[in-house]
Amino acid sequence: MDKPKKKSRQQVFTLLVQVGRKEDDGLPKDATGGALMIYASGVDEAEAVRETVAILKQADLAPLDVTGYGTLEEREAQGHEIHDDERVLMQRALDENSVVVAQLTPFFNGEESTEEQSVQ
């Protein structure tokens, strides 16, 4: 007899990660760092942050600071407008129990670039 599947305790958290420079980080040559908008799964925000930082380090990025914006429900309760494309990426992070980089914004001379790159 098949056991009923346990409901996953995983949730998806929206994180903004600022990164510094590191050799072979993939950022534009003259960038001074960058910011990544990330959707990460975890049983709590602390786990999502730990997993995200570990994966970014494996990808030769240098995480400096992580700001958590909460789960989809928490963001909606705060009045955030969440577009369908964001919801799709959040669901992907949940389905795959993964970290999804939604957007990368390079910084030049410590300032945000007006040119944003969408990464999936």
C-alpha atoms as a PDB file:
ATOM      1  CA  MET A   1       0.000   0.000   0.000  1.00  0.00           C
ATOM      2  CA  ASP A   2       1.257   3.459  -0.900  1.00  0.00           C
ATOM      3  CA  LYS A   3       1.615   5.878   1.964  1.00  0.00           C
ATOM      4  CA  PRO A   4      -0.038   9.251   1.432  1.00  0.00           C
ATOM      5  CA  LYS A   5       2.505  11.904   0.560  1.00  0.00           C
ATOM      6  CA  LYS A   6       3.409  14.172   3.446  1.00  0.00           C
ATOM      7  CA  LYS A   7       2.714  17.812   2.745  1.00  0.00           C
ATOM      8  CA  SER A   8       6.005  19.582   2.216  1.00  0.00           C
ATOM      9  CA  ARG A   9       6.977  22.207   4.754  1.00  0.00           C
ATOM     10  CA  GLN A  10       9.009  23.964   2.068  1.00  0.00           C
ATOM     11  CA  GLN A  11       8.131  27.560   1.287  1.00  0.00           C
ATOM     12  CA  VAL A  12       9.594  30.032  -1.184  1.00  0.00           C
ATOM     13  CA  PHE A  13      11.265  33.195   0.067  1.00  0.00           C
ATOM     14  CA  THR A  14      12.136  36.287  -1.936  1.00  0.00           C
ATOM     15  CA  LEU A  15      15.727  37.374  -1.287  1.00  0.00           C
ATOM     16  CA  LEU A  16      17.805  40.285  -2.531  1.00  0.00           C
ATOM     17  CA  VAL A  17      21.506  39.396  -2.457  1.00  0.00           C
ATOM     18  CA  GLN A  18      24.255  41.953  -2.945  1.00  0.00           C
ATOM     19  CA  VAL A  19      27.493  40.525  -4.287  1.00  0.00           C
ATOM     20  CA  GLY A  20      31.017  41.852  -4.514  1.00  0.00           C
ATOM     21  CA  ARG A  21      33.650  40.995  -7.088  1.00  0.00           C
ATOM     22  CA  LYS A  22      35.494  37.715  -7.340  1.00  0.00           C
ATOM     23  CA  GLU A  23      37.586  36.249 -10.130  1.00  0.00           C
ATOM     24  CA  ASP A  24      35.427  34.418 -12.715  1.00  0.00           C
ATOM     25  CA  ASP A  25      32.162  35.709 -11.185  1.00  0.00           C
ATOM     26  CA  GLY A  26      30.557  36.354 -14.583  1.00  0.00           C
ATOM     27  CA  LEU A  27      29.760  40.002 -13.867  1.00  0.00           C
ATOM     28  CA  PRO A  28      30.608  42.621 -16.516  1.00  0.00           C
ATOM     29  CA  LYS A  29      34.331  43.476 -16.542  1.00  0.00           C
ATOM     30  CA  ASP A  30      33.944  47.016 -15.208  1.00  0.00           C
ATOM     31  CA  ALA A  31      31.210  46.212 -12.656  1.00  0.00           C
ATOM     32  CA  THR A  32      31.999  46.794  -8.981  1.00  0.00           C
ATOM     33  CA  GLY A  33      29.426  44.247  -7.794  1.00  0.00           C
ATOM     34  CA  GLY A  34      25.775  43.520  -8.260  1.00  0.00           C
ATOM     35  CA  ALA A  35      22.419  42.551  -6.846  1.00  0.00           C
ATOM     36  CA  LEU A  36      20.450  39.379  -7.487  1.00  0.00           C
ATOM     37  CA  MET A  37      16.720  38.947  -6.974  1.00  0.00           C
ATOM     38  CA  ILE A  38      16.285  35.341  -5.915  1.00  0.00           C
ATOM     39  CA  TYR A  39      13.445  32.970  -5.092  1.00  0.00           C
ATOM     40  CA  ALA A  40      14.689  30.252  -2.763  1.00  0.00           C
ATOM     41  CA  SER A  41      12.927  27.350  -1.121  1.00  0.00           C
ATOM     42  CA  GLY A  42      13.381  26.370   2.499  1.00  0.00           C
ATOM     43  CA  VAL A  43      11.471  25.306   5.594  1.00  0.00           C
ATOM     44  CA  ASP A  44      12.232  28.774   6.947  1.00  0.00           C
ATOM     45  CA  GLU A  45      13.931  31.935   5.743  1.00  0.00           C
ATOM     46  CA  ALA A  46      17.208  31.111   7.520  1.00  0.00           C
ATOM     47  CA  GLU A  47      17.505  27.834   5.601  1.00  0.00           C
ATOM     48  CA  ALA A  48      16.681  29.575   2.310  1.00  0.00           C
ATOM     49  CA  VAL A  49      19.404  32.160   2.992  1.00  0.00           C
ATOM     50  CA  ARG A  50      22.002  29.500   3.944  1.00  0.00           C
ATOM     51  CA  GLU A  51      21.275  27.463   0.796  1.00  0.00           C
ATOM     52  CA  THR A  52      21.353  30.558  -1.406  1.00  0.00           C
ATOM     53  CA  VAL A  53      24.690  31.772  -0.030  1.00  0.00           C
ATOM     54  CA  ALA A  54      26.221  28.294  -0.422  1.00  0.00           C
ATOM     55  CA  ILE A  55      25.068  28.017  -4.044  1.00  0.00           C
ATOM     56  CA  LEU A  56      26.267  31.526  -4.925  1.00  0.00           C
ATOM     57  CA  LYS A  57      29.692  30.758  -3.453  1.00  0.00           C
ATOM     58  CA  GLN A  58      29.850  27.550  -5.525  1.00  0.00           C
ATOM     59  CA  ALA A  59      29.071  29.711  -8.570  1.00  0.00           C
ATOM     60  CA  ASP A  60      32.139  31.889  -7.813  1.00  0.00           C
ATOM     61  CA  LEU A  61      30.073  34.835  -6.588  1.00  0.00           C
ATOM     62  CA  ALA A  62      30.894  36.767  -3.412  1.00  0.00           C
ATOM     63  CA  PRO A  63      27.682  37.331  -1.393  1.00  0.00           C
ATOM     64  CA  LEU A  64      27.980  40.370   0.879  1.00  0.00           C
ATOM     65  CA  ASP A  65      24.470  40.986   2.174  1.00  0.00           C
ATOM     66  CA  VAL A  66      21.093  39.228   2.014  1.00  0.00           C
ATOM     67  CA  THR A  67      17.765  40.991   2.551  1.00  0.00           C
ATOM     68  CA  GLY A  68      14.717  38.782   2.998  1.00  0.00           C
ATOM     69  CA  TYR A  69      11.289  39.908   1.805  1.00  0.00           C
ATOM     70  CA  GLY A  70       9.370  36.876   3.060  1.00  0.00           C
ATOM     71  CA  THR A  71       7.051  34.380   1.417  1.00  0.00           C
ATOM     72  CA  LEU A  72       4.496  35.084  -1.294  1.00  0.00           C
ATOM     73  CA  GLU A  73       1.761  35.340   1.338  1.00  0.00           C
ATOM     74  CA  GLU A  74       3.834  37.700   3.497  1.00  0.00           C
ATOM     75  CA  ARG A  75       4.616  39.923   0.515  1.00  0.00           C
ATOM     76  CA  GLU A  76       0.958  40.040  -0.518  1.00  0.00           C
ATOM     77  CA  ALA A  77      -0.018  40.977   3.064  1.00  0.00           C
ATOM     78  CA  GLN A  78       2.487  43.868   2.850  1.00  0.00           C
ATOM     79  CA  GLY A  79       0.824  45.076  -0.343  1.00  0.00           C
ATOM     80  CA  HIS A  80       3.573  44.058  -2.786  1.00  0.00           C
ATOM     81  CA  GLU A  81       2.440  43.742  -6.383  1.00  0.00           C
ATOM     82  CA  ILE A  82       3.528  40.309  -7.592  1.00  0.00           C
ATOM     83  CA  HIS A  83       3.394  39.674 -11.326  1.00  0.00           C
ATOM     84  CA  ASP A  84       2.561  36.355 -12.944  1.00  0.00           C
ATOM     85  CA  ASP A  85       6.143  35.834 -14.161  1.00  0.00           C
ATOM     86  CA  GLU A  86       7.359  36.124 -10.550  1.00  0.00           C
ATOM     87  CA  ARG A  87       4.748  33.611  -9.417  1.00  0.00           C
ATOM     88  CA  VAL A  88       5.939  31.171 -12.089  1.00  0.00           C
ATOM     89  CA  LEU A  89       9.540  31.449 -10.877  1.00  0.00           C
ATOM     90  CA  MET A  90       8.452  31.072  -7.243  1.00  0.00           C
ATOM     91  CA  GLN A  91       6.514  27.927  -8.121  1.00  0.00           C
ATOM     92  CA  ARG A  92       9.553  26.582  -9.992  1.00  0.00           C
ATOM     93  CA  ALA A  93      11.732  27.130  -6.916  1.00  0.00           C
ATOM     94  CA  LEU A  94       9.167  25.256  -4.811  1.00  0.00           C
ATOM     95  CA  ASP A  95       8.671  22.407  -7.298  1.00  0.00           C
ATOM     96  CA  GLU A  96      12.408  21.900  -7.763  1.00  0.00           C
ATOM     97  CA  ASN A  97      13.328  22.672  -4.130  1.00  0.00           C
ATOM     98  CA  SER A  98      15.866  25.074  -5.560  1.00  0.00           C
ATOM     99  CA  VAL A  99      17.261  28.580  -5.794  1.00  0.00           C
ATOM    100  CA  VAL A 100      16.095  30.556  -8.841  1.00  0.00           C
ATOM    101  CA  VAL A 101      17.888  33.753  -9.840  1.00  0.00           C
ATOM    102  CA  ALA A 102      15.187  35.978 -11.307  1.00  0.00           C
ATOM    103  CA  GLN A 103      17.272  39.073 -12.048  1.00  0.00           C
ATOM    104  CA  LEU A 104      20.868  40.269 -11.953  1.00  0.00           C
ATOM    105  CA  THR A 105      21.647  43.965 -11.771  1.00  0.00           C
ATOM    106  CA  PRO A 106      25.353  44.865 -12.058  1.00  0.00           C
ATOM    107  CA  PHE A 107      26.714  47.870 -10.144  1.00  0.00           C
ATOM    108  CA  PHE A 108      29.287  50.260 -11.601  1.00  0.00           C
ATOM    109  CA  ASN A 109      31.323  52.521  -9.289  1.00  0.00           C
ATOM    110  CA  GLY A 110      29.067  51.428  -6.458  1.00  0.00           C
ATOM    111  CA  GLU A 111      25.932  52.565  -8.309  1.00  0.00           C
ATOM    112  CA  GLU A 112      23.136  50.463  -9.752  1.00  0.00           C
ATOM    113  CA  SER A 113      23.229  50.005 -13.483  1.00  0.00           C
ATOM    114  CA  THR A 114      20.265  51.151 -15.544  1.00  0.00           C
ATOM    115  CA  GLU A 115      20.815  48.002 -17.592  1.00  0.00           C
ATOM    116  CA  GLU A 116      19.219  44.994 -15.928  1.00  0.00           C
ATOM    117  CA  GLN A 117      19.735  41.402 -16.987  1.00  0.00           C
ATOM    118  CA  SER A 118      17.047  38.790 -16.506  1.00  0.00           C
ATOM    119  CA  VAL A 119      18.506  35.402 -15.599  1.00  0.00           C
ATOM    120  CA  GLN A 120      16.626  32.133 -15.233  1.00  0.00           C
END
